[in-house]
Amino acid sequence: ETALERTNKKFIKRFNYLEAEAKKI
């Protein structure tokens, strides 16, 4: 459960970065 939740958080952080960078362009 902890391992999967850490991966969830990692994915969300990366996806949020992707959204922010796309918005910049």
mmCIF file of all heavy atoms, coordinates in Angstrom:
data_MODEL
# 
_entry.id   MODEL 
# 
loop_
_atom_site.group_PDB 
_atom_site.id 
_atom_site.type_symbol 
_atom_site.label_atom_id 
_atom_site.label_alt_id 
_atom_site.label_comp_id 
_atom_site.label_asym_id 
_atom_site.label_entity_id 
_atom_site.label_seq_id 
_atom_site.pdbx_PDB_ins_code 
_atom_site.Cartn_x 
_atom_site.Cartn_y 
_atom_site.Cartn_z 
_atom_site.occupancy 
_atom_site.B_iso_or_equiv 
_atom_site.pdbx_formal_charge 
_atom_site.auth_seq_id 
_atom_site.auth_comp_id 
_atom_site.auth_asym_id 
_atom_site.auth_atom_id 
_atom_site.pdbx_PDB_model_num 
ATOM 1   N N   . GLU A 1 1  ? 0.836  -1.207 0.000   1.00 0.00 ? 1  GLU A N   1 
ATOM 2   C CA  . GLU A 1 1  ? 0.000  0.000  0.000   1.00 0.00 ? 1  GLU A CA  1 
ATOM 3   C C   . GLU A 1 1  ? 0.865  1.250  0.000   1.00 0.00 ? 1  GLU A C   1 
ATOM 4   O O   . GLU A 1 1  ? 0.637  2.181  -0.781  1.00 0.00 ? 1  GLU A O   1 
ATOM 5   C CB  . GLU A 1 1  ? -0.911 -0.011 1.239   1.00 0.00 ? 1  GLU A CB  1 
ATOM 6   C CG  . GLU A 1 1  ? -1.646 1.280  1.503   1.00 0.00 ? 1  GLU A CG  1 
ATOM 7   C CD  . GLU A 1 1  ? -2.716 1.607  0.473   1.00 0.00 ? 1  GLU A CD  1 
ATOM 8   O OE1 . GLU A 1 1  ? -3.133 0.684  -0.260  1.00 0.00 ? 1  GLU A OE1 1 
ATOM 9   O OE2 . GLU A 1 1  ? -3.122 2.779  0.398   1.00 0.00 ? 1  GLU A OE2 1 
ATOM 10  N N   . THR A 1 2  ? 1.888  1.273  0.853   1.00 0.00 ? 2  THR A N   1 
ATOM 11  C CA  . THR A 1 2  ? 2.796  2.416  0.908   1.00 0.00 ? 2  THR A CA  1 
ATOM 12  C C   . THR A 1 2  ? 3.562  2.563  -0.400  1.00 0.00 ? 2  THR A C   1 
ATOM 13  O O   . THR A 1 2  ? 3.710  3.678  -0.928  1.00 0.00 ? 2  THR A O   1 
ATOM 14  C CB  . THR A 1 2  ? 3.784  2.257  2.069   1.00 0.00 ? 2  THR A CB  1 
ATOM 15  O OG1 . THR A 1 2  ? 3.055  2.152  3.299   1.00 0.00 ? 2  THR A OG1 1 
ATOM 16  C CG2 . THR A 1 2  ? 4.738  3.439  2.159   1.00 0.00 ? 2  THR A CG2 1 
ATOM 17  N N   . ALA A 1 3  ? 4.041  1.447  -0.931  1.00 0.00 ? 3  ALA A N   1 
ATOM 18  C CA  . ALA A 1 3  ? 4.808  1.487  -2.181  1.00 0.00 ? 3  ALA A CA  1 
ATOM 19  C C   . ALA A 1 3  ? 3.964  2.036  -3.323  1.00 0.00 ? 3  ALA A C   1 
ATOM 20  O O   . ALA A 1 3  ? 4.415  2.897  -4.100  1.00 0.00 ? 3  ALA A O   1 
ATOM 21  C CB  . ALA A 1 3  ? 5.312  0.088  -2.526  1.00 0.00 ? 3  ALA A CB  1 
ATOM 22  N N   . LEU A 1 4  ? 2.714  1.560  -3.430  1.00 0.00 ? 4  LEU A N   1 
ATOM 23  C CA  . LEU A 1 4  ? 1.851  2.015  -4.511  1.00 0.00 ? 4  LEU A CA  1 
ATOM 24  C C   . LEU A 1 4  ? 1.476  3.479  -4.332  1.00 0.00 ? 4  LEU A C   1 
ATOM 25  O O   . LEU A 1 4  ? 1.435  4.245  -5.306  1.00 0.00 ? 4  LEU A O   1 
ATOM 26  C CB  . LEU A 1 4  ? 0.589  1.159  -4.576  1.00 0.00 ? 4  LEU A CB  1 
ATOM 27  C CG  . LEU A 1 4  ? -0.397 1.489  -5.691  1.00 0.00 ? 4  LEU A CG  1 
ATOM 28  C CD1 . LEU A 1 4  ? 0.271  1.414  -7.062  1.00 0.00 ? 4  LEU A CD1 1 
ATOM 29  C CD2 . LEU A 1 4  ? -1.614 0.570  -5.642  1.00 0.00 ? 4  LEU A CD2 1 
ATOM 30  N N   . GLU A 1 5  ? 1.226  3.908  -3.105  1.00 0.00 ? 5  GLU A N   1 
ATOM 31  C CA  . GLU A 1 5  ? 0.854  5.301  -2.882  1.00 0.00 ? 5  GLU A CA  1 
ATOM 32  C C   . GLU A 1 5  ? 2.022  6.234  -3.198  1.00 0.00 ? 5  GLU A C   1 
ATOM 33  O O   . GLU A 1 5  ? 1.823  7.335  -3.728  1.00 0.00 ? 5  GLU A O   1 
ATOM 34  C CB  . GLU A 1 5  ? 0.379  5.508  -1.442  1.00 0.00 ? 5  GLU A CB  1 
ATOM 35  C CG  . GLU A 1 5  ? -0.084 6.922  -1.125  1.00 0.00 ? 5  GLU A CG  1 
ATOM 36  C CD  . GLU A 1 5  ? -1.197 7.439  -2.036  1.00 0.00 ? 5  GLU A CD  1 
ATOM 37  O OE1 . GLU A 1 5  ? -1.827 6.634  -2.766  1.00 0.00 ? 5  GLU A OE1 1 
ATOM 38  O OE2 . GLU A 1 5  ? -1.433 8.658  -2.039  1.00 0.00 ? 5  GLU A OE2 1 
ATOM 39  N N   . ARG A 1 6  ? 3.244  5.812  -2.887  1.00 0.00 ? 6  ARG A N   1 
ATOM 40  C CA  . ARG A 1 6  ? 4.406  6.636  -3.251  1.00 0.00 ? 6  ARG A CA  1 
ATOM 41  C C   . ARG A 1 6  ? 4.507  6.760  -4.779  1.00 0.00 ? 6  ARG A C   1 
ATOM 42  O O   . ARG A 1 6  ? 4.854  7.823  -5.306  1.00 0.00 ? 6  ARG A O   1 
ATOM 43  C CB  . ARG A 1 6  ? 5.684  6.036  -2.673  1.00 0.00 ? 6  ARG A CB  1 
ATOM 44  C CG  . ARG A 1 6  ? 5.779  6.130  -1.151  1.00 0.00 ? 6  ARG A CG  1 
ATOM 45  C CD  . ARG A 1 6  ? 7.172  5.792  -0.664  1.00 0.00 ? 6  ARG A CD  1 
ATOM 46  N NE  . ARG A 1 6  ? 7.237  5.679  0.775   1.00 0.00 ? 6  ARG A NE  1 
ATOM 47  C CZ  . ARG A 1 6  ? 7.245  6.722  1.624   1.00 0.00 ? 6  ARG A CZ  1 
ATOM 48  N NH1 . ARG A 1 6  ? 7.204  7.952  1.144   1.00 0.00 ? 6  ARG A NH1 1 
ATOM 49  N NH2 . ARG A 1 6  ? 7.299  6.525  2.929   1.00 0.00 ? 6  ARG A NH2 1 
ATOM 50  N N   . THR A 1 7  ? 4.208  5.687  -5.483  1.00 0.00 ? 7  THR A N   1 
ATOM 51  C CA  . THR A 1 7  ? 4.217  5.738  -6.943  1.00 0.00 ? 7  THR A CA  1 
ATOM 52  C C   . THR A 1 7  ? 3.099  6.639  -7.460  1.00 0.00 ? 7  THR A C   1 
ATOM 53  O O   . THR A 1 7  ? 3.292  7.397  -8.419  1.00 0.00 ? 7  THR A O   1 
ATOM 54  C CB  . THR A 1 7  ? 4.074  4.319  -7.531  1.00 0.00 ? 7  THR A CB  1 
ATOM 55  O OG1 . THR A 1 7  ? 5.221  3.545  -7.153  1.00 0.00 ? 7  THR A OG1 1 
ATOM 56  C CG2 . THR A 1 7  ? 3.990  4.355  -9.041  1.00 0.00 ? 7  THR A CG2 1 
ATOM 57  N N   . ASN A 1 8  ? 1.922  6.567  -6.814  1.00 0.00 ? 8  ASN A N   1 
ATOM 58  C CA  . ASN A 1 8  ? 0.825  7.468  -7.187  1.00 0.00 ? 8  ASN A CA  1 
ATOM 59  C C   . ASN A 1 8  ? 1.262  8.921  -7.072  1.00 0.00 ? 8  ASN A C   1 
ATOM 60  O O   . ASN A 1 8  ? 1.039  9.741  -7.977  1.00 0.00 ? 8  ASN A O   1 
ATOM 61  C CB  . ASN A 1 8  ? -0.391 7.241  -6.276  1.00 0.00 ? 8  ASN A CB  1 
ATOM 62  C CG  . ASN A 1 8  ? -1.101 5.936  -6.556  1.00 0.00 ? 8  ASN A CG  1 
ATOM 63  O OD1 . ASN A 1 8  ? -0.981 5.372  -7.645  1.00 0.00 ? 8  ASN A OD1 1 
ATOM 64  N ND2 . ASN A 1 8  ? -1.836 5.446  -5.584  1.00 0.00 ? 8  ASN A ND2 1 
ATOM 65  N N   . LYS A 1 9  ? 1.872  9.257  -5.944  1.00 0.00 ? 9  LYS A N   1 
ATOM 66  C CA  . LYS A 1 9  ? 2.301  10.632 -5.700  1.00 0.00 ? 9  LYS A CA  1 
ATOM 67  C C   . LYS A 1 9  ? 3.366  11.063 -6.714  1.00 0.00 ? 9  LYS A C   1 
ATOM 68  O O   . LYS A 1 9  ? 3.373  12.199 -7.190  1.00 0.00 ? 9  LYS A O   1 
ATOM 69  C CB  . LYS A 1 9  ? 2.824  10.773 -4.264  1.00 0.00 ? 9  LYS A CB  1 
ATOM 70  C CG  . LYS A 1 9  ? 1.734  10.711 -3.203  1.00 0.00 ? 9  LYS A CG  1 
ATOM 71  C CD  . LYS A 1 9  ? 2.319  10.866 -1.812  1.00 0.00 ? 9  LYS A CD  1 
ATOM 72  C CE  . LYS A 1 9  ? 1.223  10.892 -0.760  1.00 0.00 ? 9  LYS A CE  1 
ATOM 73  N NZ  . LYS A 1 9  ? 0.362  12.090 -0.866  1.00 0.00 ? 9  LYS A NZ  1 
ATOM 74  N N   . LYS A 1 10 ? 4.264  10.135 -7.037  1.00 0.00 ? 10 LYS A N   1 
ATOM 75  C CA  . LYS A 1 10 ? 5.314  10.424 -8.020  1.00 0.00 ? 10 LYS A CA  1 
ATOM 76  C C   . LYS A 1 10 ? 4.703  10.693 -9.388  1.00 0.00 ? 10 LYS A C   1 
ATOM 77  O O   . LYS A 1 10 ? 5.094  11.645 -10.077 1.00 0.00 ? 10 LYS A O   1 
ATOM 78  C CB  . LYS A 1 10 ? 6.288  9.244  -8.075  1.00 0.00 ? 10 LYS A CB  1 
ATOM 79  C CG  . LYS A 1 10 ? 7.427  9.427  -9.063  1.00 0.00 ? 10 LYS A CG  1 
ATOM 80  C CD  . LYS A 1 10 ? 8.441  8.291  -8.921  1.00 0.00 ? 10 LYS A CD  1 
ATOM 81  C CE  . LYS A 1 10 ? 7.835  6.944  -9.220  1.00 0.00 ? 10 LYS A CE  1 
ATOM 82  N NZ  . LYS A 1 10 ? 8.827  5.850  -9.126  1.00 0.00 ? 10 LYS A NZ  1 
ATOM 83  N N   . PHE A 1 11 ? 3.734  9.869  -9.776  1.00 0.00 ? 11 PHE A N   1 
ATOM 84  C CA  . PHE A 1 11 ? 3.079  10.053 -11.074 1.00 0.00 ? 11 PHE A CA  1 
ATOM 85  C C   . PHE A 1 11 ? 2.351  11.398 -11.113 1.00 0.00 ? 11 PHE A C   1 
ATOM 86  O O   . PHE A 1 11 ? 2.447  12.131 -12.109 1.00 0.00 ? 11 PHE A O   1 
ATOM 87  C CB  . PHE A 1 11 ? 2.092  8.916  -11.334 1.00 0.00 ? 11 PHE A CB  1 
ATOM 88  C CG  . PHE A 1 11 ? 1.410  9.018  -12.664 1.00 0.00 ? 11 PHE A CG  1 
ATOM 89  C CD1 . PHE A 1 11 ? 1.939  8.399  -13.785 1.00 0.00 ? 11 PHE A CD1 1 
ATOM 90  C CD2 . PHE A 1 11 ? 0.227  9.740  -12.805 1.00 0.00 ? 11 PHE A CD2 1 
ATOM 91  C CE1 . PHE A 1 11 ? 1.321  8.508  -15.025 1.00 0.00 ? 11 PHE A CE1 1 
ATOM 92  C CE2 . PHE A 1 11 ? -0.404 9.856  -14.032 1.00 0.00 ? 11 PHE A CE2 1 
ATOM 93  C CZ  . PHE A 1 11 ? 0.141  9.238  -15.148 1.00 0.00 ? 11 PHE A CZ  1 
ATOM 94  N N   . ILE A 1 12 ? 1.627  11.728 -10.051 1.00 0.00 ? 12 ILE A N   1 
ATOM 95  C CA  . ILE A 1 12 ? 0.874  12.989 -10.005 1.00 0.00 ? 12 ILE A CA  1 
ATOM 96  C C   . ILE A 1 12 ? 1.822  14.178 -10.123 1.00 0.00 ? 12 ILE A C   1 
ATOM 97  O O   . ILE A 1 12 ? 1.547  15.145 -10.857 1.00 0.00 ? 12 ILE A O   1 
ATOM 98  C CB  . ILE A 1 12 ? 0.048  13.071 -8.703  1.00 0.00 ? 12 ILE A CB  1 
ATOM 99  C CG1 . ILE A 1 12 ? -1.085 12.046 -8.747  1.00 0.00 ? 12 ILE A CG1 1 
ATOM 100 C CG2 . ILE A 1 12 ? -0.504 14.480 -8.491  1.00 0.00 ? 12 ILE A CG2 1 
ATOM 101 C CD1 . ILE A 1 12 ? -1.794 11.854 -7.426  1.00 0.00 ? 12 ILE A CD1 1 
ATOM 102 N N   . LYS A 1 13 ? 2.946  14.118 -9.428  1.00 0.00 ? 13 LYS A N   1 
ATOM 103 C CA  . LYS A 1 13 ? 3.917  15.212 -9.475  1.00 0.00 ? 13 LYS A CA  1 
ATOM 104 C C   . LYS A 1 13 ? 4.466  15.392 -10.889 1.00 0.00 ? 13 LYS A C   1 
ATOM 105 O O   . LYS A 1 13 ? 4.564  16.523 -11.401 1.00 0.00 ? 13 LYS A O   1 
ATOM 106 C CB  . LYS A 1 13 ? 5.053  14.941 -8.495  1.00 0.00 ? 13 LYS A CB  1 
ATOM 107 C CG  . LYS A 1 13 ? 6.069  16.070 -8.387  1.00 0.00 ? 13 LYS A CG  1 
ATOM 108 C CD  . LYS A 1 13 ? 7.123  15.747 -7.339  1.00 0.00 ? 13 LYS A CD  1 
ATOM 109 C CE  . LYS A 1 13 ? 8.143  16.868 -7.225  1.00 0.00 ? 13 LYS A CE  1 
ATOM 110 N NZ  . LYS A 1 13 ? 9.190  16.550 -6.217  1.00 0.00 ? 13 LYS A NZ  1 
ATOM 111 N N   . ARG A 1 14 ? 4.815  14.282 -11.531 1.00 0.00 ? 14 ARG A N   1 
ATOM 112 C CA  . ARG A 1 14 ? 5.333  14.359 -12.901 1.00 0.00 ? 14 ARG A CA  1 
ATOM 113 C C   . ARG A 1 14 ? 4.265  14.867 -13.868 1.00 0.00 ? 14 ARG A C   1 
ATOM 114 O O   . ARG A 1 14 ? 4.552  15.666 -14.763 1.00 0.00 ? 14 ARG A O   1 
ATOM 115 C CB  . ARG A 1 14 ? 5.828  12.982 -13.352 1.00 0.00 ? 14 ARG A CB  1 
ATOM 116 C CG  . ARG A 1 14 ? 7.071  12.497 -12.638 1.00 0.00 ? 14 ARG A CG  1 
ATOM 117 C CD  . ARG A 1 14 ? 7.433  11.088 -13.093 1.00 0.00 ? 14 ARG A CD  1 
ATOM 118 N NE  . ARG A 1 14 ? 8.589  10.561 -12.384 1.00 0.00 ? 14 ARG A NE  1 
ATOM 119 C CZ  . ARG A 1 14 ? 9.068  9.331  -12.551 1.00 0.00 ? 14 ARG A CZ  1 
ATOM 120 N NH1 . ARG A 1 14 ? 8.474  8.519  -13.416 1.00 0.00 ? 14 ARG A NH1 1 
ATOM 121 N NH2 . ARG A 1 14 ? 10.117 8.925  -11.871 1.00 0.00 ? 14 ARG A NH2 1 
ATOM 122 N N   . PHE A 1 15 ? 3.032  14.396 -13.691 1.00 0.00 ? 15 PHE A N   1 
ATOM 123 C CA  . PHE A 1 15 ? 1.956  14.802 -14.600 1.00 0.00 ? 15 PHE A CA  1 
ATOM 124 C C   . PHE A 1 15 ? 1.634  16.276 -14.423 1.00 0.00 ? 15 PHE A C   1 
ATOM 125 O O   . PHE A 1 15 ? 1.373  16.983 -15.412 1.00 0.00 ? 15 PHE A O   1 
ATOM 126 C CB  . PHE A 1 15 ? 0.708  13.948 -14.349 1.00 0.00 ? 15 PHE A CB  1 
ATOM 127 C CG  . PHE A 1 15 ? -0.307 14.034 -15.441 1.00 0.00 ? 15 PHE A CG  1 
ATOM 128 C CD1 . PHE A 1 15 ? -0.189 13.257 -16.590 1.00 0.00 ? 15 PHE A CD1 1 
ATOM 129 C CD2 . PHE A 1 15 ? -1.385 14.900 -15.349 1.00 0.00 ? 15 PHE A CD2 1 
ATOM 130 C CE1 . PHE A 1 15 ? -1.114 13.345 -17.613 1.00 0.00 ? 15 PHE A CE1 1 
ATOM 131 C CE2 . PHE A 1 15 ? -2.318 14.992 -16.370 1.00 0.00 ? 15 PHE A CE2 1 
ATOM 132 C CZ  . PHE A 1 15 ? -2.184 14.210 -17.506 1.00 0.00 ? 15 PHE A CZ  1 
ATOM 133 N N   . ASN A 1 16 ? 1.667  16.756 -13.175 1.00 0.00 ? 16 ASN A N   1 
ATOM 134 C CA  . ASN A 1 16 ? 1.435  18.179 -12.934 1.00 0.00 ? 16 ASN A CA  1 
ATOM 135 C C   . ASN A 1 16 ? 2.507  19.034 -13.604 1.00 0.00 ? 16 ASN A C   1 
ATOM 136 O O   . ASN A 1 16 ? 2.226  20.107 -14.132 1.00 0.00 ? 16 ASN A O   1 
ATOM 137 C CB  . ASN A 1 16 ? 1.406  18.462 -11.429 1.00 0.00 ? 16 ASN A CB  1 
ATOM 138 C CG  . ASN A 1 16 ? 0.137  17.956 -10.771 1.00 0.00 ? 16 ASN A CG  1 
ATOM 139 O OD1 . ASN A 1 16 ? -0.852 17.679 -11.427 1.00 0.00 ? 16 ASN A OD1 1 
ATOM 140 N ND2 . ASN A 1 16 ? 0.163  17.824 -9.456  1.00 0.00 ? 16 ASN A ND2 1 
ATOM 141 N N   . TYR A 1 17 ? 3.756  18.549 -13.582 1.00 0.00 ? 17 TYR A N   1 
ATOM 142 C CA  . TYR A 1 17 ? 4.849  19.255 -14.262 1.00 0.00 ? 17 TYR A CA  1 
ATOM 143 C C   . TYR A 1 17 ? 4.589  19.292 -15.768 1.00 0.00 ? 17 TYR A C   1 
ATOM 144 O O   . TYR A 1 17 ? 4.762  20.329 -16.426 1.00 0.00 ? 17 TYR A O   1 
ATOM 145 C CB  . TYR A 1 17 ? 6.173  18.562 -13.972 1.00 0.00 ? 17 TYR A CB  1 
ATOM 146 C CG  . TYR A 1 17 ? 7.356  19.196 -14.677 1.00 0.00 ? 17 TYR A CG  1 
ATOM 147 C CD1 . TYR A 1 17 ? 8.042  20.260 -14.086 1.00 0.00 ? 17 TYR A CD1 1 
ATOM 148 C CD2 . TYR A 1 17 ? 7.792  18.738 -15.925 1.00 0.00 ? 17 TYR A CD2 1 
ATOM 149 C CE1 . TYR A 1 17 ? 9.128  20.845 -14.736 1.00 0.00 ? 17 TYR A CE1 1 
ATOM 150 C CE2 . TYR A 1 17 ? 8.871  19.318 -16.573 1.00 0.00 ? 17 TYR A CE2 1 
ATOM 151 C CZ  . TYR A 1 17 ? 9.535  20.377 -15.969 1.00 0.00 ? 17 TYR A CZ  1 
ATOM 152 O OH  . TYR A 1 17 ? 10.604 20.963 -16.608 1.00 0.00 ? 17 TYR A OH  1 
ATOM 153 N N   . LEU A 1 18 ? 4.166  18.175 -16.302 1.00 0.00 ? 18 LEU A N   1 
ATOM 154 C CA  . LEU A 1 18 ? 3.858  18.081 -17.726 1.00 0.00 ? 18 LEU A CA  1 
ATOM 155 C C   . LEU A 1 18 ? 2.774  19.090 -18.112 1.00 0.00 ? 18 LEU A C   1 
ATOM 156 O O   . LEU A 1 18 ? 2.904  19.815 -19.109 1.00 0.00 ? 18 LEU A O   1 
ATOM 157 C CB  . LEU A 1 18 ? 3.404  16.653 -18.053 1.00 0.00 ? 18 LEU A CB  1 
ATOM 158 C CG  . LEU A 1 18 ? 2.763  16.375 -19.412 1.00 0.00 ? 18 LEU A CG  1 
ATOM 159 C CD1 . LEU A 1 18 ? 3.708  16.746 -20.539 1.00 0.00 ? 18 LEU A CD1 1 
ATOM 160 C CD2 . LEU A 1 18 ? 2.369  14.911 -19.513 1.00 0.00 ? 18 LEU A CD2 1 
ATOM 161 N N   . GLU A 1 19 ? 1.716  19.156 -17.308 1.00 0.00 ? 19 GLU A N   1 
ATOM 162 C CA  . GLU A 1 19 ? 0.632  20.102 -17.584 1.00 0.00 ? 19 GLU A CA  1 
ATOM 163 C C   . GLU A 1 19 ? 1.130  21.551 -17.528 1.00 0.00 ? 19 GLU A C   1 
ATOM 164 O O   . GLU A 1 19 ? 0.778  22.383 -18.376 1.00 0.00 ? 19 GLU A O   1 
ATOM 165 C CB  . GLU A 1 19 ? -0.501 19.917 -16.582 1.00 0.00 ? 19 GLU A CB  1 
ATOM 166 C CG  . GLU A 1 19 ? -1.282 18.622 -16.766 1.00 0.00 ? 19 GLU A CG  1 
ATOM 167 C CD  . GLU A 1 19 ? -2.356 18.458 -15.707 1.00 0.00 ? 19 GLU A CD  1 
ATOM 168 O OE1 . GLU A 1 19 ? -2.038 18.636 -14.502 1.00 0.00 ? 19 GLU A OE1 1 
ATOM 169 O OE2 . GLU A 1 19 ? -3.510 18.150 -16.065 1.00 0.00 ? 19 GLU A OE2 1 
ATOM 170 N N   . ALA A 1 20 ? 1.948  21.845 -16.509 1.00 0.00 ? 20 ALA A N   1 
ATOM 171 C CA  . ALA A 1 20 ? 2.445  23.220 -16.333 1.00 0.00 ? 20 ALA A CA  1 
ATOM 172 C C   . ALA A 1 20 ? 3.347  23.632 -17.494 1.00 0.00 ? 20 ALA A C   1 
ATOM 173 O O   . ALA A 1 20 ? 3.261  24.770 -18.001 1.00 0.00 ? 20 ALA A O   1 
ATOM 174 C CB  . ALA A 1 20 ? 3.195  23.330 -15.008 1.00 0.00 ? 20 ALA A CB  1 
ATOM 175 N N   . GLU A 1 21 ? 4.231  22.728 -17.937 1.00 0.00 ? 21 GLU A N   1 
ATOM 176 C CA  . GLU A 1 21 ? 5.142  23.050 -19.031 1.00 0.00 ? 21 GLU A CA  1 
ATOM 177 C C   . GLU A 1 21 ? 4.398  23.196 -20.352 1.00 0.00 ? 21 GLU A C   1 
ATOM 178 O O   . GLU A 1 21 ? 4.743  24.047 -21.184 1.00 0.00 ? 21 GLU A O   1 
ATOM 179 C CB  . GLU A 1 21 ? 6.228  21.973 -19.141 1.00 0.00 ? 21 GLU A CB  1 
ATOM 180 C CG  . GLU A 1 21 ? 7.185  21.933 -17.959 1.00 0.00 ? 21 GLU A CG  1 
ATOM 181 C CD  . GLU A 1 21 ? 7.876  23.269 -17.723 1.00 0.00 ? 21 GLU A CD  1 
ATOM 182 O OE1 . GLU A 1 21 ? 8.475  23.810 -18.685 1.00 0.00 ? 21 GLU A OE1 1 
ATOM 183 O OE2 . GLU A 1 21 ? 7.793  23.796 -16.595 1.00 0.00 ? 21 GLU A OE2 1 
ATOM 184 N N   . ALA A 1 22 ? 3.366  22.378 -20.535 1.00 0.00 ? 22 ALA A N   1 
ATOM 185 C CA  . ALA A 1 22 ? 2.564  22.489 -21.756 1.00 0.00 ? 22 ALA A CA  1 
ATOM 186 C C   . ALA A 1 22 ? 1.847  23.838 -21.793 1.00 0.00 ? 22 ALA A C   1 
ATOM 187 O O   . ALA A 1 22 ? 1.764  24.494 -22.841 1.00 0.00 ? 22 ALA A O   1 
ATOM 188 C CB  . ALA A 1 22 ? 1.550  21.350 -21.815 1.00 0.00 ? 22 ALA A CB  1 
ATOM 189 N N   . LYS A 1 23 ? 1.370  24.260 -20.634 1.00 0.00 ? 23 LYS A N   1 
ATOM 190 C CA  . LYS A 1 23 ? 0.675  25.547 -20.553 1.00 0.00 ? 23 LYS A CA  1 
ATOM 191 C C   . LYS A 1 23 ? 1.612  26.702 -20.892 1.00 0.00 ? 23 LYS A C   1 
ATOM 192 O O   . LYS A 1 23 ? 1.202  27.692 -21.514 1.00 0.00 ? 23 LYS A O   1 
ATOM 193 C CB  . LYS A 1 23 ? 0.094  25.719 -19.149 1.00 0.00 ? 23 LYS A CB  1 
ATOM 194 C CG  . LYS A 1 23 ? -0.815 26.915 -18.989 1.00 0.00 ? 23 LYS A CG  1 
ATOM 195 C CD  . LYS A 1 23 ? -1.448 26.943 -17.600 1.00 0.00 ? 23 LYS A CD  1 
ATOM 196 C CE  . LYS A 1 23 ? -2.391 28.134 -17.476 1.00 0.00 ? 23 LYS A CE  1 
ATOM 197 N NZ  . LYS A 1 23 ? -3.018 28.177 -16.128 1.00 0.00 ? 23 LYS A NZ  1 
ATOM 198 N N   . LYS A 1 24 ? 2.899  26.570 -20.497 1.00 0.00 ? 24 LYS A N   1 
ATOM 199 C CA  . LYS A 1 24 ? 3.877  27.628 -20.767 1.00 0.00 ? 24 LYS A CA  1 
ATOM 200 C C   . LYS A 1 24 ? 4.070  27.854 -22.262 1.00 0.00 ? 24 LYS A C   1 
ATOM 201 O O   . LYS A 1 24 ? 4.361  28.974 -22.692 1.00 0.00 ? 24 LYS A O   1 
ATOM 202 C CB  . LYS A 1 24 ? 5.221  27.279 -20.122 1.00 0.00 ? 24 LYS A CB  1 
ATOM 203 C CG  . LYS A 1 24 ? 5.248  27.414 -18.612 1.00 0.00 ? 24 LYS A CG  1 
ATOM 204 C CD  . LYS A 1 24 ? 6.626  27.035 -18.068 1.00 0.00 ? 24 LYS A CD  1 
ATOM 205 C CE  . LYS A 1 24 ? 6.680  27.101 -16.551 1.00 0.00 ? 24 LYS A CE  1 
ATOM 206 N NZ  . LYS A 1 24 ? 7.998  26.691 -16.016 1.00 0.00 ? 24 LYS A NZ  1 
ATOM 207 N N   . ILE A 1 25 ? 3.938  26.794 -23.050 1.00 0.00 ? 25 ILE A N   1 
ATOM 208 C CA  . ILE A 1 25 ? 4.119  26.934 -24.500 1.00 0.00 ? 25 ILE A CA  1 
ATOM 209 C C   . ILE A 1 25 ? 2.773  27.088 -25.217 1.00 0.00 ? 25 ILE A C   1 
ATOM 210 O O   . ILE A 1 25 ? 2.690  26.965 -26.437 1.00 0.00 ? 25 ILE A O   1 
ATOM 211 C CB  . ILE A 1 25 ? 4.920  25.748 -25.086 1.00 0.00 ? 25 ILE A CB  1 
ATOM 212 C CG1 . ILE A 1 25 ? 4.183  24.428 -24.868 1.00 0.00 ? 25 ILE A CG1 1 
ATOM 213 C CG2 . ILE A 1 25 ? 6.312  25.692 -24.488 1.00 0.00 ? 25 ILE A CG2 1 
ATOM 214 C CD1 . ILE A 1 25 ? 4.842  23.232 -25.561 1.00 0.00 ? 25 ILE A CD1 1 
# 
